Amino acid sequence: YVYYGNYAAYFESGRVEALRALGLSYRVMEEQGVML
């Protein structure tokens, strides 16, 4: 089975890509002084 803890990483990928599809970037937010 997929080890249960890996779903946190899968969700992170989904979250990062959902924001990227909007034209938003975690990297840019962090460079601008904001973390999530």
Full PDB file with SEQRES, HELIX, SHEET, SSBOND, CRYST1, ORIGX, SCALE, CONECT and MASTER records, all heavy atoms in Angstrom:
SEQRES   1 A   36  TYR VAL TYR TYR GLY ASN TYR ALA ALA TYR PHE GLU SER          
SEQRES   2 A   36  GLY ARG VAL GLU ALA LEU ARG ALA LEU GLY LEU SER TYR          
SEQRES   3 A   36  ARG VAL MET GLU GLU GLN GLY VAL MET LEU                      
HELIX    1 AA1 ASN A    6  ALA A   21  1                                  16    
HELIX    2 AA2 TYR A   26  GLU A   31  1                                   6    
CRYST1    1.000    1.000    1.000  90.00  90.00  90.00 P 1           1          
ORIGX1      1.000000  0.000000  0.000000        0.00000                         
ORIGX2      0.000000  1.000000  0.000000        0.00000                         
ORIGX3      0.000000  0.000000  1.000000        0.00000                         
SCALE1      1.000000  0.000000  0.000000        0.00000                         
SCALE2      0.000000  1.000000  0.000000        0.00000                         
SCALE3      0.000000  0.000000  1.000000        0.00000                         
ATOM      1  N   TYR A   1       0.849  -1.198   0.000  1.00  0.00           N  
ATOM      2  CA  TYR A   1       0.000   0.000   0.000  1.00  0.00           C  
ATOM      3  C   TYR A   1       0.883   1.247   0.000  1.00  0.00           C  
ATOM      4  O   TYR A   1       1.983   1.230   0.553  1.00  0.00           O  
ATOM      5  CB  TYR A   1      -0.840   0.082   1.276  1.00  0.00           C  
ATOM      6  CG  TYR A   1      -1.891  -0.978   1.477  1.00  0.00           C  
ATOM      7  CD1 TYR A   1      -2.039  -2.057   0.624  1.00  0.00           C  
ATOM      8  CD2 TYR A   1      -2.755  -0.881   2.548  1.00  0.00           C  
ATOM      9  CE1 TYR A   1      -3.023  -3.014   0.840  1.00  0.00           C  
ATOM     10  CE2 TYR A   1      -3.742  -1.840   2.778  1.00  0.00           C  
ATOM     11  CZ  TYR A   1      -3.865  -2.896   1.909  1.00  0.00           C  
ATOM     12  OH  TYR A   1      -4.829  -3.828   2.125  1.00  0.00           O  
ATOM     13  N   VAL A   2       0.343   2.341  -0.531  1.00  0.00           N  
ATOM     14  CA  VAL A   2       1.014   3.623  -0.327  1.00  0.00           C  
ATOM     15  C   VAL A   2       1.026   3.872   1.179  1.00  0.00           C  
ATOM     16  O   VAL A   2      -0.018   3.794   1.841  1.00  0.00           O  
ATOM     17  CB  VAL A   2       0.292   4.774  -1.053  1.00  0.00           C  
ATOM     18  CG1 VAL A   2       0.838   6.128  -0.621  1.00  0.00           C  
ATOM     19  CG2 VAL A   2       0.409   4.612  -2.563  1.00  0.00           C  
ATOM     20  N   TYR A   3       2.207   4.137   1.714  1.00  0.00           N  
ATOM     21  CA  TYR A   3       2.354   4.420   3.141  1.00  0.00           C  
ATOM     22  C   TYR A   3       1.524   5.660   3.471  1.00  0.00           C  
ATOM     23  O   TYR A   3       1.598   6.675   2.773  1.00  0.00           O  
ATOM     24  CB  TYR A   3       3.828   4.635   3.470  1.00  0.00           C  
ATOM     25  CG  TYR A   3       4.089   4.978   4.906  1.00  0.00           C  
ATOM     26  CD1 TYR A   3       3.891   4.041   5.914  1.00  0.00           C  
ATOM     27  CD2 TYR A   3       4.514   6.254   5.258  1.00  0.00           C  
ATOM     28  CE1 TYR A   3       4.124   4.362   7.241  1.00  0.00           C  
ATOM     29  CE2 TYR A   3       4.750   6.578   6.585  1.00  0.00           C  
ATOM     30  CZ  TYR A   3       4.560   5.631   7.572  1.00  0.00           C  
ATOM     31  OH  TYR A   3       4.777   5.955   8.877  1.00  0.00           O  
ATOM     32  N   TYR A   4       0.744   5.596   4.525  1.00  0.00           N  
ATOM     33  CA  TYR A   4      -0.237   6.638   4.837  1.00  0.00           C  
ATOM     34  C   TYR A   4       0.365   8.032   4.950  1.00  0.00           C  
ATOM     35  O   TYR A   4      -0.254   9.028   4.580  1.00  0.00           O  
ATOM     36  CB  TYR A   4      -1.026   6.286   6.106  1.00  0.00           C  
ATOM     37  CG  TYR A   4      -0.257   6.455   7.396  1.00  0.00           C  
ATOM     38  CD1 TYR A   4      -0.329   7.627   8.116  1.00  0.00           C  
ATOM     39  CD2 TYR A   4       0.568   5.442   7.875  1.00  0.00           C  
ATOM     40  CE1 TYR A   4       0.382   7.788   9.292  1.00  0.00           C  
ATOM     41  CE2 TYR A   4       1.276   5.594   9.045  1.00  0.00           C  
ATOM     42  CZ  TYR A   4       1.181   6.777   9.755  1.00  0.00           C  
ATOM     43  OH  TYR A   4       1.890   6.943  10.905  1.00  0.00           O  
ATOM     44  N   GLY A   5       1.577   8.137   5.447  1.00  0.00           N  
ATOM     45  CA  GLY A   5       2.212   9.441   5.611  1.00  0.00           C  
ATOM     46  C   GLY A   5       2.533  10.137   4.302  1.00  0.00           C  
ATOM     47  O   GLY A   5       2.712  11.355   4.265  1.00  0.00           O  
ATOM     48  N   ASN A   6       2.600   9.386   3.219  1.00  0.00           N  
ATOM     49  CA  ASN A   6       2.921   9.994   1.920  1.00  0.00           C  
ATOM     50  C   ASN A   6       1.798  10.870   1.386  1.00  0.00           C  
ATOM     51  O   ASN A   6       2.022  11.725   0.532  1.00  0.00           O  
ATOM     52  CB  ASN A   6       3.291   8.921   0.894  1.00  0.00           C  
ATOM     53  CG  ASN A   6       4.661   8.354   1.159  1.00  0.00           C  
ATOM     54  OD1 ASN A   6       5.594   9.080   1.466  1.00  0.00           O  
ATOM     55  ND2 ASN A   6       4.785   7.048   1.059  1.00  0.00           N  
ATOM     56  N   TYR A   7       0.592  10.679   1.900  1.00  0.00           N  
ATOM     57  CA  TYR A   7      -0.510  11.502   1.398  1.00  0.00           C  
ATOM     58  C   TYR A   7      -0.332  12.974   1.779  1.00  0.00           C  
ATOM     59  O   TYR A   7      -0.800  13.854   1.053  1.00  0.00           O  
ATOM     60  CB  TYR A   7      -1.860  10.952   1.851  1.00  0.00           C  
ATOM     61  CG  TYR A   7      -2.199   9.675   1.116  1.00  0.00           C  
ATOM     62  CD1 TYR A   7      -2.021   8.442   1.724  1.00  0.00           C  
ATOM     63  CD2 TYR A   7      -2.648   9.709  -0.204  1.00  0.00           C  
ATOM     64  CE1 TYR A   7      -2.308   7.262   1.035  1.00  0.00           C  
ATOM     65  CE2 TYR A   7      -2.926   8.543  -0.891  1.00  0.00           C  
ATOM     66  CZ  TYR A   7      -2.749   7.321  -0.267  1.00  0.00           C  
ATOM     67  OH  TYR A   7      -3.019   6.167  -0.956  1.00  0.00           O  
ATOM     68  N   ALA A   8       0.365  13.255   2.867  1.00  0.00           N  
ATOM     69  CA  ALA A   8       0.648  14.659   3.204  1.00  0.00           C  
ATOM     70  C   ALA A   8       1.481  15.296   2.088  1.00  0.00           C  
ATOM     71  O   ALA A   8       1.220  16.437   1.679  1.00  0.00           O  
ATOM     72  CB  ALA A   8       1.365  14.756   4.547  1.00  0.00           C  
ATOM     73  N   ALA A   9       2.454  14.571   1.581  1.00  0.00           N  
ATOM     74  CA  ALA A   9       3.280  15.084   0.477  1.00  0.00           C  
ATOM     75  C   ALA A   9       2.460  15.189  -0.814  1.00  0.00           C  
ATOM     76  O   ALA A   9       2.622  16.141  -1.587  1.00  0.00           O  
ATOM     77  CB  ALA A   9       4.499  14.201   0.266  1.00  0.00           C  
ATOM     78  N   TYR A  10       1.569  14.230  -1.054  1.00  0.00           N  
ATOM     79  CA  TYR A  10       0.709  14.304  -2.235  1.00  0.00           C  
ATOM     80  C   TYR A  10      -0.193  15.532  -2.158  1.00  0.00           C  
ATOM     81  O   TYR A  10      -0.388  16.245  -3.145  1.00  0.00           O  
ATOM     82  CB  TYR A  10      -0.156  13.053  -2.369  1.00  0.00           C  
ATOM     83  CG  TYR A  10       0.583  11.766  -2.659  1.00  0.00           C  
ATOM     84  CD1 TYR A  10      -0.089  10.562  -2.617  1.00  0.00           C  
ATOM     85  CD2 TYR A  10       1.943  11.731  -2.968  1.00  0.00           C  
ATOM     86  CE1 TYR A  10       0.554   9.360  -2.886  1.00  0.00           C  
ATOM     87  CE2 TYR A  10       2.596  10.540  -3.233  1.00  0.00           C  
ATOM     88  CZ  TYR A  10       1.893   9.353  -3.187  1.00  0.00           C  
ATOM     89  OH  TYR A  10       2.525   8.167  -3.451  1.00  0.00           O  
ATOM     90  N   PHE A  11      -0.747  15.775  -0.973  1.00  0.00           N  
ATOM     91  CA  PHE A  11      -1.596  16.956  -0.808  1.00  0.00           C  
ATOM     92  C   PHE A  11      -0.791  18.234  -1.000  1.00  0.00           C  
ATOM     93  O   PHE A  11      -1.283  19.207  -1.573  1.00  0.00           O  
ATOM     94  CB  PHE A  11      -2.277  16.954   0.558  1.00  0.00           C  
ATOM     95  CG  PHE A  11      -3.345  15.901   0.736  1.00  0.00           C  
ATOM     96  CD1 PHE A  11      -3.979  15.762   1.954  1.00  0.00           C  
ATOM     97  CD2 PHE A  11      -3.734  15.053  -0.293  1.00  0.00           C  
ATOM     98  CE1 PHE A  11      -4.978  14.807   2.150  1.00  0.00           C  
ATOM     99  CE2 PHE A  11      -4.723  14.088  -0.114  1.00  0.00           C  
ATOM    100  CZ  PHE A  11      -5.348  13.966   1.115  1.00  0.00           C  
ATOM    101  N   GLU A  12       0.439  18.245  -0.510  1.00  0.00           N  
ATOM    102  CA  GLU A  12       1.287  19.426  -0.717  1.00  0.00           C  
ATOM    103  C   GLU A  12       1.493  19.676  -2.204  1.00  0.00           C  
ATOM    104  O   GLU A  12       1.400  20.817  -2.673  1.00  0.00           O  
ATOM    105  CB  GLU A  12       2.629  19.257  -0.025  1.00  0.00           C  
ATOM    106  CG  GLU A  12       3.541  20.449  -0.259  1.00  0.00           C  
ATOM    107  CD  GLU A  12       4.929  20.271   0.332  1.00  0.00           C  
ATOM    108  OE1 GLU A  12       5.226  19.208   0.898  1.00  0.00           O  
ATOM    109  OE2 GLU A  12       5.717  21.212   0.196  1.00  0.00           O  
ATOM    110  N   SER A  13       1.764  18.626  -2.966  1.00  0.00           N  
ATOM    111  CA  SER A  13       1.916  18.785  -4.418  1.00  0.00           C  
ATOM    112  C   SER A  13       0.648  19.352  -5.032  1.00  0.00           C  
ATOM    113  O   SER A  13       0.706  20.257  -5.873  1.00  0.00           O  
ATOM    114  CB  SER A  13       2.252  17.446  -5.076  1.00  0.00           C  
ATOM    115  OG  SER A  13       3.528  17.009  -4.698  1.00  0.00           O  
ATOM    116  N   GLY A  14      -0.492  18.833  -4.609  1.00  0.00           N  
ATOM    117  CA  GLY A  14      -1.761  19.345  -5.121  1.00  0.00           C  
ATOM    118  C   GLY A  14      -1.967  20.805  -4.790  1.00  0.00           C  
ATOM    119  O   GLY A  14      -2.405  21.597  -5.632  1.00  0.00           O  
ATOM    120  N   ARG A  15      -1.623  21.181  -3.562  1.00  0.00           N  
ATOM    121  CA  ARG A  15      -1.780  22.571  -3.104  1.00  0.00           C  
ATOM    122  C   ARG A  15      -0.858  23.518  -3.875  1.00  0.00           C  
ATOM    123  O   ARG A  15      -1.284  24.567  -4.367  1.00  0.00           O  
ATOM    124  CB  ARG A  15      -1.484  22.615  -1.612  1.00  0.00           C  
ATOM    125  CG  ARG A  15      -1.671  23.921  -0.956  1.00  0.00           C  
ATOM    126  CD  ARG A  15      -1.571  23.791   0.569  1.00  0.00           C  
ATOM    127  NE  ARG A  15      -0.270  23.346   1.060  1.00  0.00           N  
ATOM    128  CZ  ARG A  15       0.000  22.163   1.600  1.00  0.00           C  
ATOM    129  NH1 ARG A  15      -0.940  21.253   1.739  1.00  0.00           N  
ATOM    130  NH2 ARG A  15       1.202  21.857   2.025  1.00  0.00           N  
ATOM    131  N   VAL A  16       0.406  23.144  -4.004  1.00  0.00           N  
ATOM    132  CA  VAL A  16       1.380  23.986  -4.711  1.00  0.00           C  
ATOM    133  C   VAL A  16       0.972  24.153  -6.172  1.00  0.00           C  
ATOM    134  O   VAL A  16       1.011  25.258  -6.715  1.00  0.00           O  
ATOM    135  CB  VAL A  16       2.800  23.396  -4.583  1.00  0.00           C  
ATOM    136  CG1 VAL A  16       3.763  24.081  -5.538  1.00  0.00           C  
ATOM    137  CG2 VAL A  16       3.301  23.513  -3.150  1.00  0.00           C  
ATOM    138  N   GLU A  17       0.547  23.055  -6.797  1.00  0.00           N  
ATOM    139  CA  GLU A  17       0.156  23.133  -8.204  1.00  0.00           C  
ATOM    140  C   GLU A  17      -1.160  23.881  -8.394  1.00  0.00           C  
ATOM    141  O   GLU A  17      -1.343  24.567  -9.402  1.00  0.00           O  
ATOM    142  CB  GLU A  17       0.091  21.738  -8.827  1.00  0.00           C  
ATOM    143  CG  GLU A  17       1.446  21.053  -8.909  1.00  0.00           C  
ATOM    144  CD  GLU A  17       2.511  21.873  -9.631  1.00  0.00           C  
ATOM    145  OE1 GLU A  17       2.194  22.514 -10.656  1.00  0.00           O  
ATOM    146  OE2 GLU A  17       3.665  21.872  -9.167  1.00  0.00           O  
ATOM    147  N   ALA A  18      -2.075  23.787  -7.437  1.00  0.00           N  
ATOM    148  CA  ALA A  18      -3.328  24.548  -7.516  1.00  0.00           C  
ATOM    149  C   ALA A  18      -3.034  26.044  -7.485  1.00  0.00           C  
ATOM    150  O   ALA A  18      -3.621  26.822  -8.240  1.00  0.00           O  
ATOM    151  CB  ALA A  18      -4.268  24.158  -6.378  1.00  0.00           C  
ATOM    152  N   LEU A  19      -2.128  26.451  -6.614  1.00  0.00           N  
ATOM    153  CA  LEU A  19      -1.751  27.866  -6.548  1.00  0.00           C  
ATOM    154  C   LEU A  19      -0.999  28.284  -7.814  1.00  0.00           C  
ATOM    155  O   LEU A  19      -1.227  29.367  -8.349  1.00  0.00           O  
ATOM    156  CB  LEU A  19      -0.921  28.147  -5.297  1.00  0.00           C  
ATOM    157  CG  LEU A  19      -1.686  28.022  -3.975  1.00  0.00           C  
ATOM    158  CD1 LEU A  19      -0.754  28.201  -2.783  1.00  0.00           C  
ATOM    159  CD2 LEU A  19      -2.841  29.004  -3.905  1.00  0.00           C  
ATOM    160  N   ARG A  20      -0.117  27.414  -8.298  1.00  0.00           N  
ATOM    161  CA  ARG A  20       0.633  27.725  -9.524  1.00  0.00           C  
ATOM    162  C   ARG A  20      -0.321  27.941 -10.699  1.00  0.00           C  
ATOM    163  O   ARG A  20      -0.115  28.827 -11.526  1.00  0.00           O  
ATOM    164  CB  ARG A  20       1.619  26.608  -9.826  1.00  0.00           C  
ATOM    165  CG  ARG A  20       2.573  26.922 -10.971  1.00  0.00           C  
ATOM    166  CD  ARG A  20       3.474  25.751 -11.368  1.00  0.00           C  
ATOM    167  NE  ARG A  20       4.012  24.986 -10.273  1.00  0.00           N  
ATOM    168  CZ  ARG A  20       5.103  25.317  -9.565  1.00  0.00           C  
ATOM    169  NH1 ARG A  20       5.742  26.434  -9.828  1.00  0.00           N  
ATOM    170  NH2 ARG A  20       5.534  24.523  -8.599  1.00  0.00           N  
ATOM    171  N   ALA A  21      -1.381  27.111 -10.782  1.00  0.00           N  
ATOM    172  CA  ALA A  21      -2.361  27.242 -11.866  1.00  0.00           C  
ATOM    173  C   ALA A  21      -3.067  28.597 -11.825  1.00  0.00           C  
ATOM    174  O   ALA A  21      -3.537  29.088 -12.851  1.00  0.00           O  
ATOM    175  CB  ALA A  21      -3.381  26.105 -11.793  1.00  0.00           C  
ATOM    176  N   LEU A  22      -3.111  29.210 -10.650  1.00  0.00           N  
ATOM    177  CA  LEU A  22      -3.700  30.549 -10.497  1.00  0.00           C  
ATOM    178  C   LEU A  22      -2.703  31.655 -10.831  1.00  0.00           C  
ATOM    179  O   LEU A  22      -3.054  32.824 -10.864  1.00  0.00           O  
ATOM    180  CB  LEU A  22      -4.160  30.759  -9.053  1.00  0.00           C  
ATOM    181  CG  LEU A  22      -5.434  30.084  -8.622  1.00  0.00           C  
ATOM    182  CD1 LEU A  22      -5.601  30.184  -7.116  1.00  0.00           C  
ATOM    183  CD2 LEU A  22      -6.631  30.691  -9.340  1.00  0.00           C  
ATOM    184  N   GLY A  23      -1.435  31.272 -11.025  1.00  0.00           N  
ATOM    185  CA  GLY A  23      -0.399  32.272 -11.244  1.00  0.00           C  
ATOM    186  C   GLY A  23       0.261  32.709  -9.952  1.00  0.00           C  
ATOM    187  O   GLY A  23       0.913  33.754  -9.898  1.00  0.00           O  
ATOM    188  N   LEU A  24       0.095  31.910  -8.895  1.00  0.00           N  
ATOM    189  CA  LEU A  24       0.714  32.202  -7.601  1.00  0.00           C  
ATOM    190  C   LEU A  24       1.842  31.209  -7.360  1.00  0.00           C  
ATOM    191  O   LEU A  24       1.766  30.069  -7.799  1.00  0.00           O  
ATOM    192  CB  LEU A  24      -0.317  32.105  -6.475  1.00  0.00           C  
ATOM    193  CG  LEU A  24      -1.486  33.081  -6.569  1.00  0.00           C  
ATOM    194  CD1 LEU A  24      -2.591  32.687  -5.593  1.00  0.00           C  
ATOM    195  CD2 LEU A  24      -1.012  34.489  -6.280  1.00  0.00           C  
ATOM    196  N   SER A  25       2.858  31.625  -6.633  1.00  0.00           N  
ATOM    197  CA  SER A  25       4.005  30.773  -6.394  1.00  0.00           C  
ATOM    198  C   SER A  25       4.418  30.818  -4.928  1.00  0.00           C  
ATOM    199  O   SER A  25       4.596  31.895  -4.364  1.00  0.00           O  
ATOM    200  CB  SER A  25       5.177  31.247  -7.267  1.00  0.00           C  
ATOM    201  OG  SER A  25       6.393  30.724  -6.822  1.00  0.00           O  
ATOM    202  N   TYR A  26       4.574  29.631  -4.328  1.00  0.00           N  
ATOM    203  CA  TYR A  26       5.085  29.569  -2.951  1.00  0.00           C  
ATOM    204  C   TYR A  26       6.445  30.264  -2.880  1.00  0.00           C  
ATOM    205  O   TYR A  26       6.721  31.007  -1.957  1.00  0.00           O  
ATOM    206  CB  TYR A  26       5.270  28.096  -2.541  1.00  0.00           C  
ATOM    207  CG  TYR A  26       4.161  27.517  -1.694  1.00  0.00           C  
ATOM    208  CD1 TYR A  26       2.831  27.673  -2.031  1.00  0.00           C  
ATOM    209  CD2 TYR A  26       4.464  26.789  -0.570  1.00  0.00           C  
ATOM    210  CE1 TYR A  26       1.837  27.113  -1.259  1.00  0.00           C  
ATOM    211  CE2 TYR A  26       3.474  26.216   0.212  1.00  0.00           C  
ATOM    212  CZ  TYR A  26       2.166  26.385  -0.139  1.00  0.00           C  
ATOM    213  OH  TYR A  26       1.191  25.837   0.638  1.00  0.00           O  
ATOM    214  N   ARG A  27       7.290  29.986  -3.862  1.00  0.00           N  
ATOM    215  CA  ARG A  27       8.635  30.556  -3.860  1.00  0.00           C  
ATOM    216  C   ARG A  27       8.587  32.080  -3.858  1.00  0.00           C  
ATOM    217  O   ARG A  27       9.269  32.727  -3.067  1.00  0.00           O  
ATOM    218  CB  ARG A  27       9.439  30.070  -5.051  1.00  0.00           C  
ATOM    219  CG  ARG A  27      10.839  30.662  -5.104  1.00  0.00           C  
ATOM    220  CD  ARG A  27      11.603  30.152  -6.285  1.00  0.00           C  
ATOM    221  NE  ARG A  27      11.755  28.717  -6.164  1.00  0.00           N  
ATOM    222  CZ  ARG A  27      12.915  28.108  -6.074  1.00  0.00           C  
ATOM    223  NH1 ARG A  27      14.018  28.792  -6.118  1.00  0.00           N  
ATOM    224  NH2 ARG A  27      12.975  26.805  -5.962  1.00  0.00           N  
ATOM    225  N   VAL A  28       7.760  32.642  -4.717  1.00  0.00           N  
ATOM    226  CA  VAL A  28       7.653  34.104  -4.793  1.00  0.00           C  
ATOM    227  C   VAL A  28       7.087  34.661  -3.493  1.00  0.00           C  
ATOM    228  O   VAL A  28       7.570  35.680  -2.983  1.00  0.00           O  
ATOM    229  CB  VAL A  28       6.815  34.540  -6.016  1.00  0.00           C  
ATOM    230  CG1 VAL A  28       6.501  36.026  -5.969  1.00  0.00           C  
ATOM    231  CG2 VAL A  28       7.537  34.181  -7.308  1.00  0.00           C  
ATOM    232  N   MET A  29       6.065  33.992  -2.933  1.00  0.00           N  
ATOM    233  CA  MET A  29       5.512  34.466  -1.650  1.00  0.00           C  
ATOM    234  C   MET A  29       6.601  34.503  -0.586  1.00  0.00           C  
ATOM    235  O   MET A  29       6.708  35.466   0.168  1.00  0.00           O  
ATOM    236  CB  MET A  29       4.353  33.576  -1.179  1.00  0.00           C  
ATOM    237  CG  MET A  29       3.024  34.002  -1.726  1.00  0.00           C  
ATOM    238  SD  MET A  29       1.614  33.292  -0.827  1.00  0.00           S  
ATOM    239  CE  MET A  29       1.808  31.560  -1.083  1.00  0.00           C  
ATOM    240  N   GLU A  30       7.407  33.441  -0.527  1.00  0.00           N  
ATOM    241  CA  GLU A  30       8.471  33.396   0.476  1.00  0.00           C  
ATOM    242  C   GLU A  30       9.522  34.477   0.212  1.00  0.00           C  
ATOM    243  O   GLU A  30      10.015  35.107   1.146  1.00  0.00           O  
ATOM    244  CB  GLU A  30       9.105  32.005   0.524  1.00  0.00           C  
ATOM    245  CG  GLU A  30       8.182  30.998   1.166  1.00  0.00           C  
ATOM    246  CD  GLU A  30       8.777  29.598   1.256  1.00  0.00           C  
ATOM    247  OE1 GLU A  30       9.886  29.361   0.729  1.00  0.00           O  
ATOM    248  OE2 GLU A  30       8.125  28.746   1.877  1.00  0.00           O  
ATOM    249  N   GLU A  31       9.841  34.704  -1.050  1.00  0.00           N  
ATOM    250  CA  GLU A  31      10.786  35.772  -1.396  1.00  0.00           C  
ATOM    251  C   GLU A  31      10.238  37.144  -1.011  1.00  0.00           C  
ATOM    252  O   GLU A  31      10.998  38.058  -0.723  1.00  0.00           O  
ATOM    253  CB  GLU A  31      11.123  35.725  -2.887  1.00  0.00           C  
ATOM    254  CG  GLU A  31      11.991  34.532  -3.257  1.00  0.00           C  
ATOM    255  CD  GLU A  31      12.122  34.325  -4.759  1.00  0.00           C  
ATOM    256  OE1 GLU A  31      11.456  35.053  -5.540  1.00  0.00           O  
ATOM    257  OE2 GLU A  31      12.895  33.424  -5.153  1.00  0.00           O  
ATOM    258  N   GLN A  32       8.896  37.257  -0.998  1.00  0.00           N  
ATOM    259  CA  GLN A  32       8.259  38.514  -0.616  1.00  0.00           C  
ATOM    260  C   GLN A  32       7.998  38.589   0.883  1.00  0.00           C  
ATOM    261  O   GLN A  32       7.370  39.521   1.361  1.00  0.00           O  
ATOM    262  CB  GLN A  32       6.954  38.692  -1.398  1.00  0.00           C  
ATOM    263  CG  GLN A  32       7.185  38.882  -2.881  1.00  0.00           C  
ATOM    264  CD  GLN A  32       5.907  38.883  -3.692  1.00  0.00           C  
ATOM    265  OE1 GLN A  32       4.832  38.490  -3.229  1.00  0.00           O  
ATOM    266  NE2 GLN A  32       6.010  39.332  -4.930  1.00  0.00           N  
ATOM    267  N   GLY A  33       8.474  37.577   1.622  1.00  0.00           N  
ATOM    268  CA  GLY A  33       8.405  37.636   3.077  1.00  0.00           C  
ATOM    269  C   GLY A  33       7.221  36.958   3.732  1.00  0.00           C  
ATOM    270  O   GLY A  33       6.930  37.234   4.896  1.00  0.00           O  
ATOM    271  N   VAL A  34       6.538  36.063   3.012  1.00  0.00           N  
ATOM    272  CA  VAL A  34       5.367  35.388   3.570  1.00  0.00           C  
ATOM    273  C   VAL A  34       5.501  33.872   3.414  1.00  0.00           C  
ATOM    274  O   VAL A  34       5.829  33.384   2.338  1.00  0.00           O  
ATOM    275  CB  VAL A  34       4.062  35.859   2.879  1.00  0.00           C  
ATOM    276  CG1 VAL A  34       2.847  35.112   3.414  1.00  0.00           C  
ATOM    277  CG2 VAL A  34       3.879  37.358   3.046  1.00  0.00           C  
ATOM    278  N   MET A  35       5.264  33.141   4.513  1.00  0.00           N  
ATOM    279  CA  MET A  35       5.251  31.671   4.492  1.00  0.00           C  
ATOM    280  C   MET A  35       3.842  31.180   4.793  1.00  0.00           C  
ATOM    281  O   MET A  35       3.004  31.943   5.258  1.00  0.00           O  
ATOM    282  CB  MET A  35       6.211  31.110   5.537  1.00  0.00           C  
ATOM    283  CG  MET A  35       7.656  31.407   5.270  1.00  0.00           C  
ATOM    284  SD  MET A  35       8.770  30.603   6.450  1.00  0.00           S  
ATOM    285  CE  MET A  35       8.274  31.353   7.996  1.00  0.00           C  
ATOM    286  N   LEU A  36       3.626  29.893   4.555  1.00  0.00           N  
ATOM    287  CA  LEU A  36       2.290  29.323   4.716  1.00  0.00           C  
ATOM    288  C   LEU A  36       2.374  27.970   5.433  1.00  0.00           C  
ATOM    289  O   LEU A  36       2.082  26.928   4.869  1.00  0.00           O  
ATOM    290  CB  LEU A  36       1.657  29.158   3.330  1.00  0.00           C  
ATOM    291  CG  LEU A  36       0.160  28.971   3.220  1.00  0.00           C  
ATOM    292  CD1 LEU A  36      -0.605  30.068   3.936  1.00  0.00           C  
ATOM    293  CD2 LEU A  36      -0.251  28.926   1.771  1.00  0.00           C  
TER     294      LEU A  36                                                      
MASTER        0    0    0    2    0    0    0    6  293    1    0    3          
END                                                                             
